[in-house]
Every structure is written in C-alpha cells, then in structure tokens.
C-alpha cells in the first residue's frame, strides 16, 4: 500500500504524462500543417510513448493498492512560430518531466517507499534518453537553420522512427 501523499504524486504524474502525449500530438499536427510529415511521425510516436508512460504509472498505482484518480488535462500549445521553437519547447518540456520524476523519487526516499523508488528508476533512465533525443533534434535544426534542403534531410531522418513499446518498469 502506498501513502496518500505518494498516491497524489503518482496520480499527478499520470496527468502529466497524458499532457505530454497531448502536447506531442499538437506539435505533430503543427509539422503536418507545414508539410513535414517526418517530424510529424516522430511526434506521433513520441505521443504514443507518453501514453505508454501514463499507463505504466496507472497500472503501478493499481498494483500497489492505490486508487487512480484522473485529473483534467490542459490544452497544449498549438501555435508555433518556427520549427526551432517547437523543438525548444519539446526539450524544455522533457526537462520539466525529469524534474517531476526526480521530485517523486525524493518523496519515495523520504517515505522509505523502496518499491516505488525502484519503479521510478526506469523513468529516471528514460528521461535521460528523452532529454538527449530532444536536445539532439533541436541542435540539428539549429545547425541547418533555414536551409530547406537540410530541413528536408532531417524530415526524412525523422520519418524513419518506428514505435517500440517500452520495456516494463516493475
């Protein structure tokens, strides 16, 4: 059984992960609107990963005897000024998610909730990858700037991404 405080933190993370999925769908829609289907593909897959993460938290709460309480999900940004702005927002958002995960780890340590701490370590590692990927995408776009050929090359690269279900965090 988890404490009320931990249950609240985990439920809030479910909401944050679903918000992440909404945000990435919105960014993907932006890329579709400017005919960059490879970028759109990358973000649709990222949205699927975020839904998976939300469900991992959802299932964990149930597995440890907590109660899932779904909260409202805010509407994400949808009006982006540039490719770079959308990718910068992605990196900033992943950094925000990382801080949120770290906060829950701190609560787990404070409460001596070893089970939840162990569960969260998968997400600590995942966030390292998420931030690195978002940072790499942003740096590539910054490198090519407004060069249409460079953007199209990146679009082709991002079109190659395929969905891979996450390994289970137990």
C-alpha atoms as a PDB file:
ATOM      1  CA  UNK A   1       0.000   0.000   0.000  1.00  0.00           C
ATOM      2  CA  UNK A   2       1.246   3.500  -0.807  1.00  0.00           C
ATOM      3  CA  UNK A   3       0.693   6.617   1.267  1.00  0.00           C
ATOM      4  CA  UNK A   4      -1.859   9.274   0.337  1.00  0.00           C
ATOM      5  CA  UNK A   5       0.986  11.646  -0.493  1.00  0.00           C
ATOM      6  CA  UNK A   6       2.625   9.147  -2.836  1.00  0.00           C
ATOM      7  CA  UNK A   7      -0.712   8.291  -4.423  1.00  0.00           C
ATOM      8  CA  UNK A   8      -1.268  12.011  -5.118  1.00  0.00           C
ATOM      9  CA  UNK A   9       2.214  12.382  -6.640  1.00  0.00           C
ATOM     10  CA  UNK A  10       1.768   9.327  -8.864  1.00  0.00           C
ATOM     11  CA  UNK A  11      -1.710  10.378  -9.977  1.00  0.00           C
ATOM     12  CA  UNK A  12      -0.357  13.809 -10.834  1.00  0.00           C
ATOM     13  CA  UNK A  13       2.353  12.135 -12.920  1.00  0.00           C
ATOM     14  CA  UNK A  14      -0.311  10.165 -14.822  1.00  0.00           C
ATOM     15  CA  UNK A  15      -1.882  13.508 -15.741  1.00  0.00           C
ATOM     16  CA  UNK A  16       1.495  14.982 -16.719  1.00  0.00           C
ATOM     17  CA  UNK A  17       2.283  12.019 -18.965  1.00  0.00           C
ATOM     18  CA  UNK A  18      -1.093  12.306 -20.710  1.00  0.00           C
ATOM     19  CA  UNK A  19      -0.488  16.050 -21.099  1.00  0.00           C
ATOM     20  CA  UNK A  20       2.856  15.206 -22.706  1.00  0.00           C
ATOM     21  CA  UNK A  21       1.032  12.997 -25.205  1.00  0.00           C
ATOM     22  CA  UNK A  22      -1.395  15.851 -25.984  1.00  0.00           C
ATOM     23  CA  UNK A  23       1.493  18.283 -26.395  1.00  0.00           C
ATOM     24  CA  UNK A  24       3.345  15.989 -28.781  1.00  0.00           C
ATOM     25  CA  UNK A  25       0.207  15.345 -30.819  1.00  0.00           C
ATOM     26  CA  UNK A  26      -0.208  19.110 -31.070  1.00  0.00           C
ATOM     27  CA  UNK A  27       3.389  19.600 -32.177  1.00  0.00           C
ATOM     28  CA  UNK A  28       2.953  16.756 -34.674  1.00  0.00           C
ATOM     29  CA  UNK A  29      -0.141  18.492 -36.062  1.00  0.00           C
ATOM     30  CA  UNK A  30       1.924  21.664 -36.491  1.00  0.00           C
ATOM     31  CA  UNK A  31       4.504  19.744 -38.505  1.00  0.00           C
ATOM     32  CA  UNK A  32       1.781  18.188 -40.648  1.00  0.00           C
ATOM     33  CA  UNK A  33       0.431  21.692 -41.319  1.00  0.00           C
ATOM     34  CA  UNK A  34       3.804  22.757 -42.740  1.00  0.00           C
ATOM     35  CA  UNK A  35       4.244  19.542 -44.754  1.00  0.00           C
ATOM     36  CA  UNK A  36       6.969  17.982 -42.626  1.00  0.00           C
ATOM     37  CA  UNK A  37       5.486  14.521 -42.246  1.00  0.00           C
ATOM     38  CA  UNK A  38       8.723  13.014 -40.931  1.00  0.00           C
ATOM     39  CA  UNK A  39       8.750  15.427 -37.997  1.00  0.00           C
ATOM     40  CA  UNK A  40       5.019  14.731 -37.534  1.00  0.00           C
ATOM     41  CA  UNK A  41       5.755  10.991 -37.457  1.00  0.00           C
ATOM     42  CA  UNK A  42       8.419  11.470 -34.794  1.00  0.00           C
ATOM     43  CA  UNK A  43       5.986  13.390 -32.591  1.00  0.00           C
ATOM     44  CA  UNK A  44       3.097  10.950 -33.109  1.00  0.00           C
ATOM     45  CA  UNK A  45       5.392   8.165 -31.938  1.00  0.00           C
ATOM     46  CA  UNK A  46       6.562  10.309 -29.026  1.00  0.00           C
ATOM     47  CA  UNK A  47       2.910  10.859 -28.072  1.00  0.00           C
ATOM     48  CA  UNK A  48       2.371   7.087 -28.062  1.00  0.00           C
ATOM     49  CA  UNK A  49       5.370   6.644 -25.766  1.00  0.00           C
ATOM     50  CA  UNK A  50       3.956   9.233 -23.376  1.00  0.00           C
ATOM     51  CA  UNK A  51       0.594   7.438 -23.296  1.00  0.00           C
ATOM     52  CA  UNK A  52       2.506   4.250 -22.503  1.00  0.00           C
ATOM     53  CA  UNK A  53       4.281   6.032 -19.645  1.00  0.00           C
ATOM     54  CA  UNK A  54       0.958   7.289 -18.273  1.00  0.00           C
ATOM     55  CA  UNK A  55      -0.415   3.754 -18.335  1.00  0.00           C
ATOM     56  CA  UNK A  56       2.686   2.405 -16.591  1.00  0.00           C
ATOM     57  CA  UNK A  57       2.026   4.814 -13.716  1.00  0.00           C
ATOM     58  CA  UNK A  58      -1.710   3.997 -13.863  1.00  0.00           C
ATOM     59  CA  UNK A  59      -1.034   0.259 -13.619  1.00  0.00           C
ATOM     60  CA  UNK A  60       1.551   0.718 -10.865  1.00  0.00           C
ATOM     61  CA  UNK A  61      -0.873   2.694  -8.696  1.00  0.00           C
ATOM     62  CA  UNK A  62      -3.412  -0.115  -9.029  1.00  0.00           C
ATOM     63  CA  UNK A  63      -0.815  -2.829  -8.457  1.00  0.00           C
ATOM     64  CA  UNK A  64       0.312  -1.358  -5.123  1.00  0.00           C
ATOM     65  CA  UNK A  65      -3.190  -0.886  -3.772  1.00  0.00           C
ATOM     66  CA  UNK A  66      -3.623   2.787  -4.569  1.00  0.00           C
ATOM     67  CA  UNK A  67      -6.529   4.424  -6.318  1.00  0.00           C
ATOM     68  CA  UNK A  68      -6.166   6.028  -9.721  1.00  0.00           C
ATOM     69  CA  UNK A  69      -7.732   9.475  -9.803  1.00  0.00           C
ATOM     70  CA  UNK A  70      -7.601  11.034 -13.247  1.00  0.00           C
ATOM     71  CA  UNK A  71      -7.333  14.812 -13.341  1.00  0.00           C
ATOM     72  CA  UNK A  72      -8.133  17.326 -16.046  1.00  0.00           C
ATOM     73  CA  UNK A  73      -5.621  17.675 -18.864  1.00  0.00           C
ATOM     74  CA  UNK A  74      -4.908  21.220 -20.015  1.00  0.00           C
ATOM     75  CA  UNK A  75      -4.962  22.081 -23.707  1.00  0.00           C
ATOM     76  CA  UNK A  76      -1.406  22.175 -25.079  1.00  0.00           C
ATOM     77  CA  UNK A  77       0.202  24.914 -27.138  1.00  0.00           C
ATOM     78  CA  UNK A  78      -0.678  24.635 -30.808  1.00  0.00           C
ATOM     79  CA  UNK A  79       0.594  27.795 -32.466  1.00  0.00           C
ATOM     80  CA  UNK A  80       4.315  27.609 -33.084  1.00  0.00           C
ATOM     81  CA  UNK A  81       6.385  30.326 -34.727  1.00  0.00           C
ATOM     82  CA  UNK A  82       9.063  28.021 -36.091  1.00  0.00           C
ATOM     83  CA  UNK A  83      10.446  24.510 -36.190  1.00  0.00           C
ATOM     84  CA  UNK A  84      13.119  25.560 -33.723  1.00  0.00           C
ATOM     85  CA  UNK A  85      10.554  26.939 -31.263  1.00  0.00           C
ATOM     86  CA  UNK A  86       8.577  23.675 -31.340  1.00  0.00           C
ATOM     87  CA  UNK A  87      11.739  21.660 -30.703  1.00  0.00           C
ATOM     88  CA  UNK A  88      12.919  24.017 -27.957  1.00  0.00           C
ATOM     89  CA  UNK A  89       9.531  23.609 -26.257  1.00  0.00           C
ATOM     90  CA  UNK A  90       9.989  19.832 -26.519  1.00  0.00           C
ATOM     91  CA  UNK A  91      13.353  19.959 -24.739  1.00  0.00           C
ATOM     92  CA  UNK A  92      12.028  22.309 -22.056  1.00  0.00           C
ATOM     93  CA  UNK A  93       9.030  20.059 -21.518  1.00  0.00           C
ATOM     94  CA  UNK A  94      11.212  16.954 -21.139  1.00  0.00           C
ATOM     95  CA  UNK A  95      13.334  18.818 -18.585  1.00  0.00           C
ATOM     96  CA  UNK A  96      10.144  19.655 -16.685  1.00  0.00           C
ATOM     97  CA  UNK A  97       9.094  15.988 -16.723  1.00  0.00           C
ATOM     98  CA  UNK A  98      12.547  14.994 -15.470  1.00  0.00           C
ATOM     99  CA  UNK A  99      12.224  17.380 -12.522  1.00  0.00           C
ATOM    100  CA  UNK A 100       8.799  15.923 -11.771  1.00  0.00           C
ATOM    101  CA  UNK A 101      10.153  12.351 -11.764  1.00  0.00           C
ATOM    102  CA  UNK A 102      13.058  13.410  -9.535  1.00  0.00           C
ATOM    103  CA  UNK A 103      10.590  15.008  -7.129  1.00  0.00           C
ATOM    104  CA  UNK A 104       8.638  11.753  -6.836  1.00  0.00           C
ATOM    105  CA  UNK A 105      11.903   9.871  -6.266  1.00  0.00           C
ATOM    106  CA  UNK A 106      12.687  12.314  -3.446  1.00  0.00           C
ATOM    107  CA  UNK A 107       9.263  11.652  -1.900  1.00  0.00           C
ATOM    108  CA  UNK A 108       9.787   7.886  -2.211  1.00  0.00           C
ATOM    109  CA  UNK A 109      13.159   8.153  -0.466  1.00  0.00           C
ATOM    110  CA  UNK A 110      11.734  10.401   2.246  1.00  0.00           C
ATOM    111  CA  UNK A 111       8.887   7.945   2.860  1.00  0.00           C
ATOM    112  CA  UNK A 112      11.182   4.911   2.621  1.00  0.00           C
ATOM    113  CA  UNK A 113       8.957   3.606  -0.178  1.00  0.00           C
ATOM    114  CA  UNK A 114      11.527   1.288  -1.743  1.00  0.00           C
ATOM    115  CA  UNK A 115       9.028  -0.318  -4.120  1.00  0.00           C
ATOM    116  CA  UNK A 116       8.074   2.989  -5.700  1.00  0.00           C
ATOM    117  CA  UNK A 117      11.682   4.170  -5.755  1.00  0.00           C
ATOM    118  CA  UNK A 118      12.631   1.021  -7.673  1.00  0.00           C
ATOM    119  CA  UNK A 119       9.712   1.508 -10.085  1.00  0.00           C
ATOM    120  CA  UNK A 120      10.762   5.111 -10.715  1.00  0.00           C
ATOM    121  CA  UNK A 121      14.347   4.226 -11.649  1.00  0.00           C
ATOM    122  CA  UNK A 122      13.132   3.088 -15.085  1.00  0.00           C
ATOM    123  CA  UNK A 123      11.725   6.592 -15.613  1.00  0.00           C
ATOM    124  CA  UNK A 124      14.918   8.252 -14.360  1.00  0.00           C
ATOM    125  CA  UNK A 125      16.825   6.366 -17.064  1.00  0.00           C
ATOM    126  CA  UNK A 126      14.115   7.010 -19.655  1.00  0.00           C
ATOM    127  CA  UNK A 127      14.240  10.748 -19.019  1.00  0.00           C
ATOM    128  CA  UNK A 128      17.984  10.777 -19.677  1.00  0.00           C
ATOM    129  CA  UNK A 129      17.211   9.347 -23.128  1.00  0.00           C
ATOM    130  CA  UNK A 130      14.224  11.656 -23.679  1.00  0.00           C
ATOM    131  CA  UNK A 131      16.223  14.790 -22.922  1.00  0.00           C
ATOM    132  CA  UNK A 132      19.159  13.650 -25.066  1.00  0.00           C
ATOM    133  CA  UNK A 133      16.862  12.934 -28.003  1.00  0.00           C
ATOM    134  CA  UNK A 134      15.044  16.274 -27.702  1.00  0.00           C
ATOM    135  CA  UNK A 135      18.370  18.097 -27.386  1.00  0.00           C
ATOM    136  CA  UNK A 136      19.808  16.325 -30.443  1.00  0.00           C
ATOM    137  CA  UNK A 137      16.752  17.202 -32.544  1.00  0.00           C
ATOM    138  CA  UNK A 138      16.972  20.857 -31.516  1.00  0.00           C
ATOM    139  CA  UNK A 139      20.711  21.049 -32.222  1.00  0.00           C
ATOM    140  CA  UNK A 140      20.276  19.502 -35.674  1.00  0.00           C
ATOM    141  CA  UNK A 141      17.626  22.064 -36.581  1.00  0.00           C
ATOM    142  CA  UNK A 142      19.829  24.865 -35.243  1.00  0.00           C
ATOM    143  CA  UNK A 143      22.702  23.515 -37.330  1.00  0.00           C
ATOM    144  CA  UNK A 144      20.786  23.578 -40.617  1.00  0.00           C
ATOM    145  CA  UNK A 145      18.964  26.824 -39.809  1.00  0.00           C
ATOM    146  CA  UNK A 146      16.571  27.847 -42.558  1.00  0.00           C
ATOM    147  CA  UNK A 147      18.228  25.705 -45.228  1.00  0.00           C
ATOM    148  CA  UNK A 148      15.296  23.915 -46.846  1.00  0.00           C
ATOM    149  CA  UNK A 149      17.452  21.016 -48.041  1.00  0.00           C
ATOM    150  CA  UNK A 150      18.765  20.454 -44.520  1.00  0.00           C
ATOM    151  CA  UNK A 151      15.254  20.549 -43.068  1.00  0.00           C
ATOM    152  CA  UNK A 152      14.078  18.034 -45.676  1.00  0.00           C
ATOM    153  CA  UNK A 153      17.011  15.745 -44.830  1.00  0.00           C
ATOM    154  CA  UNK A 154      16.072  15.912 -41.151  1.00  0.00           C
ATOM    155  CA  UNK A 155      12.438  15.293 -42.073  1.00  0.00           C
ATOM    156  CA  UNK A 156      13.487  12.126 -43.893  1.00  0.00           C
ATOM    157  CA  UNK A 157      15.541  11.031 -40.895  1.00  0.00           C
ATOM    158  CA  UNK A 158      12.638  11.584 -38.512  1.00  0.00           C
ATOM    159  CA  UNK A 159      10.296   9.680 -40.817  1.00  0.00           C
ATOM    160  CA  UNK A 160      12.363   6.551 -40.136  1.00  0.00           C
ATOM    161  CA  UNK A 161      11.402   6.408 -36.475  1.00  0.00           C
ATOM    162  CA  UNK A 162       9.212   3.443 -35.592  1.00  0.00           C
ATOM    163  CA  UNK A 163       7.228   2.798 -32.451  1.00  0.00           C
ATOM    164  CA  UNK A 164       8.759   0.390 -29.964  1.00  0.00           C
ATOM    165  CA  UNK A 165       6.762  -0.457 -26.829  1.00  0.00           C
ATOM    166  CA  UNK A 166       8.666   0.275 -23.616  1.00  0.00           C
ATOM    167  CA  UNK A 167      10.178  -2.452 -21.538  1.00  0.00           C
ATOM    168  CA  UNK A 168       8.066  -2.812 -18.425  1.00  0.00           C
ATOM    169  CA  UNK A 169       9.003  -0.935 -15.288  1.00  0.00           C
ATOM    170  CA  UNK A 170       8.245  -3.305 -12.427  1.00  0.00           C
END
